[in-house]
Amino acid sequence: MLTPLDIENREFKKTMGGYNRDDVEDFMSLLLVDYEKLYKENLASRDKIASLSEAVEHYKGQEETMQNAILAAQKAADSLAKTANDQADLIIREAKAKAAEIIREANAEIAKLESKYAEMKQQVESYKMRVSAIIKSQLDILDDLSAESGAPISNE
């Protein structure tokens, strides 16, 4: 690409009947001004493009880092959720097993108490029958004594 200095230093051969030298120099001066402006804008644009390219690369790196961080956070969250679910399942299984054990022990205790109650009830009935038999035997003895002595026995 031509530089403004190349245009400024360019010299043309002189010929007879050629272009008017003043017109060419005026045009070259105008061309030099416009071209110099465009050349500087082009350099500035290239610098800006280079700077923006660096920024884009920087942001791409940051984006990749953030994506990796998000992915790692998601994996950690998934792992924590799975661990929490596994622990909850374990707690539920243990609670159900403990509840079943408590119910089994309670049922065994109820059966034991019912058996003891039935046994005690049987003993009470047995005592009632023996006491009743003793009382009847004592009353029979009293009746026999009363009949032998002829005196009535009072139940007071």
Protein backbone atom coordinates (compact mmCIF):
# COMPACT_ATOMS: atom_id res chain seq x y z
CA MET A 1 0.00 0.00 0.00
CA LEU A 2 1.26 3.45 -0.86
CA THR A 3 2.05 5.78 1.96
CA PRO A 4 1.37 9.50 1.89
CA LEU A 5 5.14 10.01 1.74
CA ASP A 6 5.28 7.91 -1.47
CA ILE A 7 2.70 10.19 -3.07
CA GLU A 8 4.43 13.32 -1.86
CA ASN A 9 7.83 12.25 -3.19
CA ARG A 10 6.55 10.94 -6.51
CA GLU A 11 7.97 12.82 -9.48
CA PHE A 12 6.82 12.59 -13.06
CA LYS A 13 8.88 12.91 -16.24
CA LYS A 14 8.55 16.11 -18.10
CA THR A 15 7.47 15.94 -21.67
CA MET A 16 6.52 18.41 -24.31
CA GLY A 17 2.84 18.95 -24.63
CA GLY A 18 2.23 17.04 -21.39
CA TYR A 19 -0.06 18.02 -18.62
CA ASN A 20 0.02 21.42 -17.01
CA ARG A 21 2.50 21.15 -14.22
CA ASP A 22 0.57 23.43 -11.83
CA ASP A 23 -2.65 21.45 -12.35
CA VAL A 24 -0.87 18.17 -11.66
CA GLU A 25 0.81 19.55 -8.55
CA ASP A 26 -2.48 21.00 -7.26
CA PHE A 27 -4.26 17.72 -7.90
CA MET A 28 -1.43 15.78 -6.24
CA SER A 29 -1.65 18.07 -3.21
CA LEU A 30 -5.39 17.43 -2.90
CA LEU A 31 -4.84 13.74 -3.44
CA LEU A 32 -2.10 13.73 -0.81
CA VAL A 33 -4.36 15.38 1.79
CA ASP A 34 -7.24 12.97 1.17
CA TYR A 35 -5.00 9.95 0.93
CA GLU A 36 -3.11 10.91 4.10
CA LYS A 37 -6.42 11.23 5.93
CA LEU A 38 -7.58 7.83 4.64
CA TYR A 39 -4.21 6.28 5.40
CA LYS A 40 -4.33 7.52 9.02
CA GLU A 41 -7.93 6.33 9.38
CA ASN A 42 -6.87 2.96 7.99
CA LEU A 43 -4.00 2.70 10.50
CA ALA A 44 -6.32 3.73 13.34
CA SER A 45 -8.89 1.18 12.16
CA ARG A 46 -6.25 -1.54 12.05
CA ASP A 47 -5.10 -0.62 15.56
CA LYS A 48 -8.69 -0.63 16.73
CA ILE A 49 -9.34 -3.98 15.04
CA ALA A 50 -6.22 -5.43 16.67
CA SER A 51 -7.29 -4.05 20.04
CA LEU A 52 -10.83 -5.34 19.60
CA SER A 53 -9.49 -8.72 18.46
CA GLU A 54 -7.43 -8.91 21.64
CA ALA A 55 -10.51 -7.97 23.67
CA VAL A 56 -12.58 -10.60 21.85
CA GLU A 57 -9.93 -13.23 22.58
CA HIS A 58 -9.82 -12.10 26.20
CA TYR A 59 -13.59 -12.32 26.49
CA LYS A 60 -13.63 -15.68 24.73
CA GLY A 61 -11.17 -16.90 27.34
CA GLN A 62 -13.36 -15.47 30.09
CA GLU A 63 -16.44 -17.02 28.48
CA GLU A 64 -14.75 -20.41 28.39
CA THR A 65 -13.67 -19.99 32.02
CA MET A 66 -17.21 -19.01 33.00
CA GLN A 67 -18.69 -21.91 31.05
CA ASN A 68 -16.29 -24.26 32.80
CA ALA A 69 -17.20 -22.71 36.16
CA ILE A 70 -20.92 -23.02 35.40
CA LEU A 71 -20.42 -26.62 34.30
CA ALA A 72 -18.43 -27.37 37.46
CA ALA A 73 -21.08 -25.67 39.60
CA GLN A 74 -23.82 -27.65 37.85
CA LYS A 75 -21.91 -30.89 38.40
CA ALA A 76 -21.38 -29.98 42.06
CA ALA A 77 -25.07 -29.11 42.45
CA ASP A 78 -26.07 -32.38 40.78
CA SER A 79 -23.68 -34.29 43.02
CA LEU A 80 -25.00 -32.53 46.13
CA ALA A 81 -28.59 -33.21 45.09
CA LYS A 82 -27.80 -36.89 44.47
CA THR A 83 -26.01 -37.14 47.81
CA ALA A 84 -28.92 -35.43 49.56
CA ASN A 85 -31.42 -37.75 47.85
CA ASP A 86 -29.32 -40.79 48.73
CA GLN A 87 -29.08 -39.65 52.35
CA ALA A 88 -32.81 -38.96 52.47
CA ASP A 89 -33.53 -42.42 51.06
CA LEU A 90 -31.20 -43.98 53.63
CA ILE A 91 -32.84 -42.03 56.47
CA ILE A 92 -36.29 -43.11 55.26
CA ARG A 93 -35.22 -46.76 54.99
CA GLU A 94 -33.66 -46.64 58.47
CA ALA A 95 -36.75 -44.93 59.90
CA LYS A 96 -39.03 -47.55 58.32
CA ALA A 97 -36.85 -50.36 59.67
CA LYS A 98 -36.82 -48.74 63.14
CA ALA A 99 -40.60 -48.25 63.01
CA ALA A 100 -41.08 -51.89 62.00
CA GLU A 101 -38.82 -52.97 64.89
CA ILE A 102 -40.75 -50.80 67.36
CA ILE A 103 -44.06 -52.20 66.08
CA ARG A 104 -42.74 -55.76 66.28
CA GLU A 105 -41.50 -55.17 69.85
CA ALA A 106 -44.80 -53.51 70.81
CA ASN A 107 -46.78 -56.42 69.35
CA ALA A 108 -44.57 -58.90 71.24
CA GLU A 109 -45.11 -56.90 74.46
CA ILE A 110 -48.87 -56.80 73.82
CA ALA A 111 -48.93 -60.56 73.26
CA LYS A 112 -46.91 -61.08 76.43
CA LEU A 113 -49.22 -58.81 78.44
CA GLU A 114 -52.32 -60.46 76.99
CA SER A 115 -50.91 -63.86 77.94
CA LYS A 116 -50.09 -62.61 81.43
CA TYR A 117 -53.59 -61.09 81.71
CA ALA A 118 -55.22 -64.37 80.65
CA GLU A 119 -53.03 -66.24 83.15
CA MET A 120 -53.93 -63.81 85.96
CA LYS A 121 -57.60 -63.98 85.02
CA GLN A 122 -57.36 -67.76 85.20
CA GLN A 123 -55.67 -67.51 88.60
CA VAL A 124 -58.39 -65.14 89.87
CA GLU A 125 -61.07 -67.58 88.70
CA SER A 126 -59.18 -70.42 90.35
CA TYR A 127 -58.88 -68.44 93.63
CA LYS A 128 -62.58 -67.55 93.46
CA MET A 129 -63.49 -71.20 93.06
CA ARG A 130 -61.18 -72.29 95.91
CA VAL A 131 -62.40 -69.49 98.21
CA SER A 132 -65.97 -70.30 97.25
CA ALA A 133 -65.29 -73.97 97.97
CA ILE A 134 -63.68 -73.10 101.32
CA ILE A 135 -66.61 -70.82 102.24
CA LYS A 136 -69.08 -73.52 101.21
CA SER A 137 -67.13 -76.08 103.20
CA GLN A 138 -67.08 -73.76 106.23
CA LEU A 139 -70.81 -73.08 105.87
CA ASP A 140 -71.48 -76.81 105.65
CA ILE A 141 -69.43 -77.33 108.81
CA LEU A 142 -71.36 -74.53 110.54
CA ASP A 143 -74.65 -76.02 109.39
CA ASP A 144 -73.57 -79.41 110.70
CA LEU A 145 -72.54 -77.85 114.05
CA SER A 146 -75.78 -75.95 114.26
CA ALA A 147 -77.76 -79.03 113.53
CA GLU A 148 -75.92 -80.98 116.22
CA SER A 149 -76.27 -78.24 118.83
CA GLY A 150 -79.73 -77.15 117.84
CA ALA A 151 -78.84 -73.45 118.08
CA PRO A 152 -79.21 -71.25 115.05
CA ILE A 153 -76.04 -69.61 113.78
CA SER A 154 -76.22 -65.98 112.94
CA ASN A 155 -74.39 -64.63 109.84
CA GLU A 156 -73.29 -61.39 111.52
